[in-house]
Amino acid sequence: MNRVMRRGASGFTLVELVVVIAVLGILISLVFTAGSYVFGEQESKVARMHINVIRLALDEYKLREGDYPEVICESFGVEDEMLRGNELLKSLCYAEEKDEIFGAGNIKLLPLDKLLTGTMEDNDQVVYLEDPWGSPYIYAYPRPDGRAGYLLFSRGPDLDCADYTEDDVSDDNLIDSDNIGADSD
């Protein structure tokens, strides 16, 4: 009896394995790309929601007090933004100190349990509202550019704006929710 051996009847060739690995690599990269896009968008949605909550608190403050909380902007440095954020938070919570911000007895315009807060590295008494990327939300009233209304925005995921200019406004990563042209009286 003659046994005949057939070559290639079982197993994969090297070319077939390379093709399968390449296809799997492409599929995995597509999944990771789509996943990072979805999760990146999620952070932007959270930041927009936070800004809308802050805007509502600012509008309620204006109804009660007659004007927005005054927090003057001299620069757009991170430390200055943290200090301005602290002043905004204290104003909206009618607080003088950190303990009063989170105290149960105060009338609060912000649902602090739903928002992120951060503290200054060298001074834990400076508490501010933090965006999903770990930076303070930027607030200024009156506006540094002299226009009516307040300025409220997040630097976004790239953390790239050094000041509030036309270049920053057109940047897709800047999450902006100011009220340009609104009455300030």
Protein backbone atom coordinates (compact mmCIF):
# COMPACT_ATOMS: atom_id res chain seq x y z
CA MET A 1 0.00 0.00 0.00
CA ASN A 2 1.24 3.25 -1.05
CA ARG A 3 0.57 6.14 1.20
CA VAL A 4 0.25 9.41 -0.57
CA MET A 5 1.00 12.52 1.47
CA ARG A 6 -0.80 15.61 0.47
CA ARG A 7 0.96 18.83 1.25
CA GLY A 8 -1.02 21.85 2.48
CA ALA A 9 -4.10 19.90 3.34
CA SER A 10 -4.02 20.92 6.98
CA GLY A 11 -2.89 24.13 8.70
CA PHE A 12 -2.36 27.63 7.45
CA THR A 13 0.35 28.96 5.23
CA LEU A 14 2.54 31.81 6.37
CA VAL A 15 0.81 34.20 3.95
CA GLU A 16 -2.63 33.32 5.33
CA LEU A 17 -1.43 33.91 8.90
CA VAL A 18 0.06 37.30 7.98
CA VAL A 19 -3.19 38.34 6.28
CA VAL A 20 -5.30 37.29 9.29
CA ILE A 21 -3.01 39.13 11.72
CA ALA A 22 -3.09 42.27 9.55
CA VAL A 23 -6.90 42.22 9.36
CA LEU A 24 -7.15 41.74 13.14
CA GLY A 25 -4.71 44.61 13.68
CA ILE A 26 -6.78 46.91 11.49
CA LEU A 27 -10.01 45.95 13.28
CA ILE A 28 -8.46 46.51 16.72
CA SER A 29 -7.09 49.91 15.72
CA LEU A 30 -10.53 50.93 14.43
CA VAL A 31 -12.14 49.90 17.72
CA PHE A 32 -9.59 51.87 19.77
CA THR A 33 -9.89 54.92 17.53
CA ALA A 34 -13.68 54.90 17.76
CA GLY A 35 -13.51 54.29 21.51
CA SER A 36 -11.16 57.20 22.14
CA TYR A 37 -13.40 59.45 20.03
CA VAL A 38 -16.50 58.42 22.00
CA PHE A 39 -14.79 58.85 25.37
CA GLY A 40 -13.25 62.17 24.30
CA GLU A 41 -16.67 63.40 23.32
CA GLN A 42 -18.03 62.25 26.68
CA GLU A 43 -15.64 64.58 28.54
CA SER A 44 -16.71 67.48 26.31
CA LYS A 45 -20.36 66.73 27.01
CA VAL A 46 -19.68 66.69 30.76
CA ALA A 47 -17.84 70.02 30.51
CA ARG A 48 -20.73 71.57 28.56
CA MET A 49 -23.19 70.29 31.14
CA HIS A 50 -21.09 71.73 33.98
CA ILE A 51 -20.86 75.08 32.20
CA ASN A 52 -24.65 75.13 31.76
CA VAL A 53 -25.11 74.43 35.48
CA ILE A 54 -22.67 77.23 36.34
CA ARG A 55 -24.51 79.58 33.95
CA LEU A 56 -27.81 78.78 35.65
CA ALA A 57 -26.23 79.50 39.04
CA LEU A 58 -24.84 82.78 37.67
CA ASP A 59 -28.27 83.77 36.36
CA GLU A 60 -29.88 82.93 39.71
CA TYR A 61 -27.19 84.94 41.49
CA LYS A 62 -27.89 87.91 39.20
CA LEU A 63 -31.62 87.64 39.94
CA ARG A 64 -30.95 87.72 43.70
CA GLU A 65 -28.13 90.25 43.81
CA GLY A 66 -28.80 92.40 40.74
CA ASP A 67 -25.52 91.63 38.98
CA TYR A 68 -23.09 88.79 38.34
CA PRO A 69 -20.33 88.09 40.89
CA GLU A 70 -17.43 90.41 40.22
CA VAL A 71 -14.21 88.50 39.64
CA ILE A 72 -11.66 90.66 37.87
CA CYS A 73 -9.30 88.99 35.40
CA GLU A 74 -5.74 90.29 35.27
CA SER A 75 -4.14 87.29 33.55
CA PHE A 76 -4.97 83.82 32.27
CA GLY A 77 -2.29 81.99 34.26
CA VAL A 78 -3.41 78.75 35.91
CA GLU A 79 -2.80 80.04 39.44
CA ASP A 80 -4.81 83.20 38.72
CA GLU A 81 -7.60 81.06 37.23
CA MET A 82 -7.71 78.95 40.40
CA LEU A 83 -7.98 82.07 42.56
CA ARG A 84 -10.75 83.51 40.35
CA GLY A 85 -12.50 80.14 40.43
CA ASN A 86 -12.35 80.21 44.22
CA GLU A 87 -13.88 83.70 44.31
CA LEU A 88 -16.66 82.57 41.97
CA LEU A 89 -17.39 79.48 44.05
CA LYS A 90 -17.47 81.47 47.29
CA SER A 91 -19.82 84.02 45.71
CA LEU A 92 -22.23 81.42 44.34
CA CYS A 93 -22.30 79.60 47.69
CA TYR A 94 -22.48 82.82 49.74
CA ALA A 95 -19.42 81.64 51.64
CA GLU A 96 -16.38 83.32 53.14
CA GLU A 97 -14.27 80.20 53.77
CA LYS A 98 -13.80 76.71 52.35
CA ASP A 99 -15.84 75.07 55.13
CA GLU A 100 -18.81 77.28 54.35
CA ILE A 101 -18.74 76.30 50.67
CA PHE A 102 -19.52 72.69 51.52
CA GLY A 103 -21.55 73.45 54.66
CA ALA A 104 -25.10 72.14 54.83
CA GLY A 105 -26.71 75.32 56.17
CA ASN A 106 -26.03 77.65 53.26
CA ILE A 107 -28.25 78.43 50.33
CA LYS A 108 -26.37 76.88 47.43
CA LEU A 109 -26.83 77.77 43.82
CA LEU A 110 -24.56 74.95 42.65
CA PRO A 111 -25.08 71.20 43.08
CA LEU A 112 -21.51 70.61 44.28
CA ASP A 113 -22.12 66.90 44.59
CA LYS A 114 -22.50 66.78 40.79
CA LEU A 115 -19.56 69.05 39.93
CA LEU A 116 -15.83 68.43 40.24
CA THR A 117 -13.85 70.61 42.62
CA GLY A 118 -10.12 71.01 42.87
CA THR A 119 -7.79 72.63 45.36
CA MET A 120 -4.65 74.66 44.87
CA GLU A 121 -1.48 72.64 45.36
CA ASP A 122 0.12 74.87 48.00
CA ASN A 123 -3.12 76.16 49.57
CA ASP A 124 -5.93 73.68 50.17
CA GLN A 125 -8.23 76.55 51.21
CA VAL A 126 -8.46 77.64 47.57
CA VAL A 127 -11.26 75.50 46.10
CA TYR A 128 -12.46 75.93 42.52
CA LEU A 129 -14.71 74.21 39.99
CA GLU A 130 -12.67 71.84 37.84
CA ASP A 131 -13.32 70.68 34.28
CA PRO A 132 -12.99 67.00 33.25
CA TRP A 133 -9.36 67.58 32.18
CA GLY A 134 -8.27 68.83 35.61
CA SER A 135 -8.17 72.57 34.90
CA PRO A 136 -10.27 75.25 36.55
CA TYR A 137 -13.23 76.65 34.64
CA ILE A 138 -12.30 80.17 33.65
CA TYR A 139 -14.65 82.94 34.77
CA ALA A 140 -14.24 86.71 34.59
CA TYR A 141 -16.69 89.55 35.19
CA PRO A 142 -16.31 92.20 33.98
CA ARG A 143 -14.80 90.81 30.82
CA PRO A 144 -11.12 91.62 30.20
CA ASP A 145 -11.87 92.53 26.58
CA GLY A 146 -14.36 95.25 27.64
CA ARG A 147 -17.42 93.61 26.10
CA ALA A 148 -20.67 93.28 27.99
CA GLY A 149 -21.46 90.13 29.94
CA TYR A 150 -19.25 87.61 31.67
CA LEU A 151 -16.64 85.20 30.40
CA LEU A 152 -16.95 81.49 31.24
CA PHE A 153 -15.12 78.68 29.48
CA SER A 154 -13.00 75.56 29.81
CA ARG A 155 -9.62 75.21 28.16
CA GLY A 156 -10.77 71.85 26.80
CA PRO A 157 -8.68 68.72 26.26
CA ASP A 158 -5.66 70.42 24.71
CA LEU A 159 -5.29 72.99 27.54
CA ASP A 160 -3.79 75.24 24.88
CA CYS A 161 -5.33 78.69 25.18
CA ALA A 162 -3.16 81.26 26.90
CA ASP A 163 -5.75 84.01 26.75
CA TYR A 164 -9.22 84.59 25.42
CA THR A 165 -8.61 85.75 21.85
CA GLU A 166 -10.23 85.19 18.48
CA ASP A 167 -7.83 82.28 17.91
CA ASP A 168 -9.13 80.61 21.06
CA VAL A 169 -12.76 81.20 20.13
CA SER A 170 -12.30 79.45 16.80
CA ASP A 171 -10.42 76.55 18.40
CA ASP A 172 -12.61 73.44 18.24
CA ASN A 173 -11.27 72.20 21.57
CA LEU A 174 -12.28 75.31 23.53
CA ILE A 175 -15.59 74.81 25.31
CA ASP A 176 -17.05 78.26 25.47
CA SER A 177 -20.22 79.46 27.07
CA ASP A 178 -19.93 83.17 27.67
CA ASN A 179 -22.76 85.61 27.15
CA ILE A 180 -21.23 88.06 24.72
CA GLY A 181 -23.54 90.98 24.13
CA ALA A 182 -25.85 90.21 27.06
CA ASP A 183 -27.01 93.10 29.16
CA SER A 184 -24.78 93.65 32.14
CA ASP A 185 -27.12 95.90 34.07
